[in-house]
Structures are given as structure tokens and as C-alpha cells.
Amino acid sequence: MNRIIIVLLTLAFSISFAQFDDSVSKKDEKNNLFIIIKDGKYGYIDNRGTIRINPDLDYSDSFSEGFARIKVRNKWGFIDTTGKIIIEPEFDSVLSFSEAMAAIKVKDKWGYIDKTGNIIVEPQYTNALPFCEGLAAVQFSGKFLFFNYNKGYGYINKIGEVVIEPSYNRARSFSEGLAPVKILHKFLIFPINEEWYFISKEGRLQGANNFDAIGQYSEGLARIAIDSKIGYINKVGEIVIEAQFIDASDFSQGLAAVKIDAKWGYIDTSGQLIIDTTFDHALDFSQGLAPIKIGSKWGYIDQSGELVIEVKYDIARQFSNGLASVKSENTWAYINKSGEYIWKTGE
């Protein structure tokens, strides 16, 4: 029997201080295909466990907006949901499609293509993030005498026009109308300090410069860190939930996972503890359920805190499009929201 390994489509939510630096686009909730690997080749099943794309790809990624990245002989392209190559593997790297555009890398520069594979923004940037809310953060480069240098991050629109000048040491994607940016203050060429701000789509800076780190907005609130404790601010920069948690997640479906002392629970957007801190770990809610850890095993609770899928897995991921990937006794599987197995290693 051939060994089949299931690739985890739902990202493990590591609620760590470092994750303030993430700039990842939202998962495509319309995707109903899930990756499997058989004999080192990638394919896809649907949410009933039926193989929809035979596992004969060298490498592929999860679908976004109807396209999935593939890698063939160190070059990248895209397939559609039938497995047909739509954009030939000719790029040195690519990001998933977001808002009908995908970042592509040619040699050492990034640009953007549309869904027909046409280059819309010529490769010219040192780094590029996905389009979110109509804008993409890109890192500009410059040249002084014989030396190339990074000028900083700015934002472009979908025809490549610079909308926000490259003035920032760090930049993340827009979410709910605002994006986190970091300004590096210097004396001559010597760094003095760094400050985080939020920026509007018009390039106006908003508060947040007194925090050690800031995250993207989710459900009207953004995480902030002060002296290694995490709290939340609203869109005018006011602290609405004091920085008191050892660790915490973004809000998802009205709740955020928080760590108090050594245990995890969930708060609502007012900061009230809704689900007691009784878990050894807890991940975000997705599709009404959240993975929680008790001892060394994982299960799932609903938004009332009731255990709905037994605590028995070595690893458990969030639900996406009706399925979640789990591991138990060295066997990977997909389960549905009733806890029924849809696909297991070895099938």
C-alpha cells in the first residue's frame, strides 16, 4: 500500500510575539480542494475524499482564487482546479493570487501578473507582498555610485502606480483600511530608534508609535505589545484591552485566544473572558470550531466552550471549507466537523 501524506492546508496558528511580523493574505474560503501527497507527488481531494486531481505534480500549493502554485524543475507557474496548467512554469518564484494579481519573481526582482499570465507590473522590486484592499506593499531599490541599496517599502496600485512613497523600513498588507509600517529614525547613517505606525490608503500616519510591535486589524481591533505583554487597540489607536496577556491571537469570529499564566482561554472584543483558561494551548476559531490542547492531545470546542470533537489527536489544525487535518499515531487524516474521517494516510 502506497504511503500517502496529507499536507496541512490550514496553517498552524503559532500565537507568538514574532507573528506580529506576518503579512499573509487571507485563505481562500471558496476553495474546496485539499492537498494530498502520494509517492512524493502532489494531488487534490474534495471535501468528500474523492481524488479530483491525480497526485502527479512535483510540487503544488493550496488554491487561491481558483489557481494553485506549482513548481516544475525549479520554475513556478499555476494550475486551475481541473489540474490544467494555466500559466506556464517560467518564474523563479511566485506568490498565490490575491485580488486577481500574483507577485512573480524574475531573477532577483519582483513584479505582478494577472490571471492570464500577462505581466502587469514589470519586475523591479526587491520584495513584494500580495495585493490587499487594492494596494500592495513593495520594497524599492536604489543605486549610489556602484552600490545597490534598499530604499524602503511603499505601496503601489494594480497598474503599478506608486500610491504611497517608499518611506518605511518595514510594511505589511492593508487590513480593514489600515496597514502597519515601521519607521527607522537615523542620525546621519546611524539608526537611533524604530517606531510602528498605522498608515491609511492616503498615506496618513496614525498613532501606535509607543508600542513594541503591532499587528494587522481583525474585526476592528489590532494586537499591540508593551513590555512583552499583549493587548488590543481600536482604529483610533486607543487601548481598549490592556496589555496583560503572555500571548494572544487576532480576533476571529468574535473571539481571541489568550494565554494567562500557563493556560489558554478566549476573550470577546470587550476583553471579557468568555471561555475559561483551562487549555494547554488554543488556536483561532474557524467555521465555528477551534482546536484546543489538553495535556498532550488536541480536540475541538465550539464557541460556547463545549467539547464537540474528542481530545485524541497529536496535532490538530483549524477547519477550512468543512475539513481539518489531524494527526494521530503517525497517521495524518482529514476530518469533518462531526469528527468523521474523510481521508486517512494509506487510503
Foldseek 3Di string as FASTA:
>chain_A
DWWKAFDFQFDFDDQDPVCLQDFADDDALVDQWGWMATPQFIFTDGPLQHTQGDRDANDWHGADPQWIWGADPQFIFIDGSNRHTQGDRDFNDWDHADPQKIWTHHPQFIFIDGSNNHTQGDGAFNDWDYADPFKIKTWHWDDDDHDIGIQAIFIAGRNGHTQGDGQFNGWHYADPFKTKTKHFDADPPHTDDIFIFIAGSNGDTADRRPFPGWHYADPQWIWTHDPQFIFIAGPNGHTQGDRQFNTKDHADPQWIWTHDDQFIFIDGPNRHTQGDRPFNDWDYADPQWTWTHHDQFIFIDGPNNHTQGDGAFNDWGYDRNFWTWTHHPNKIFIAGSNRHTSDITPD
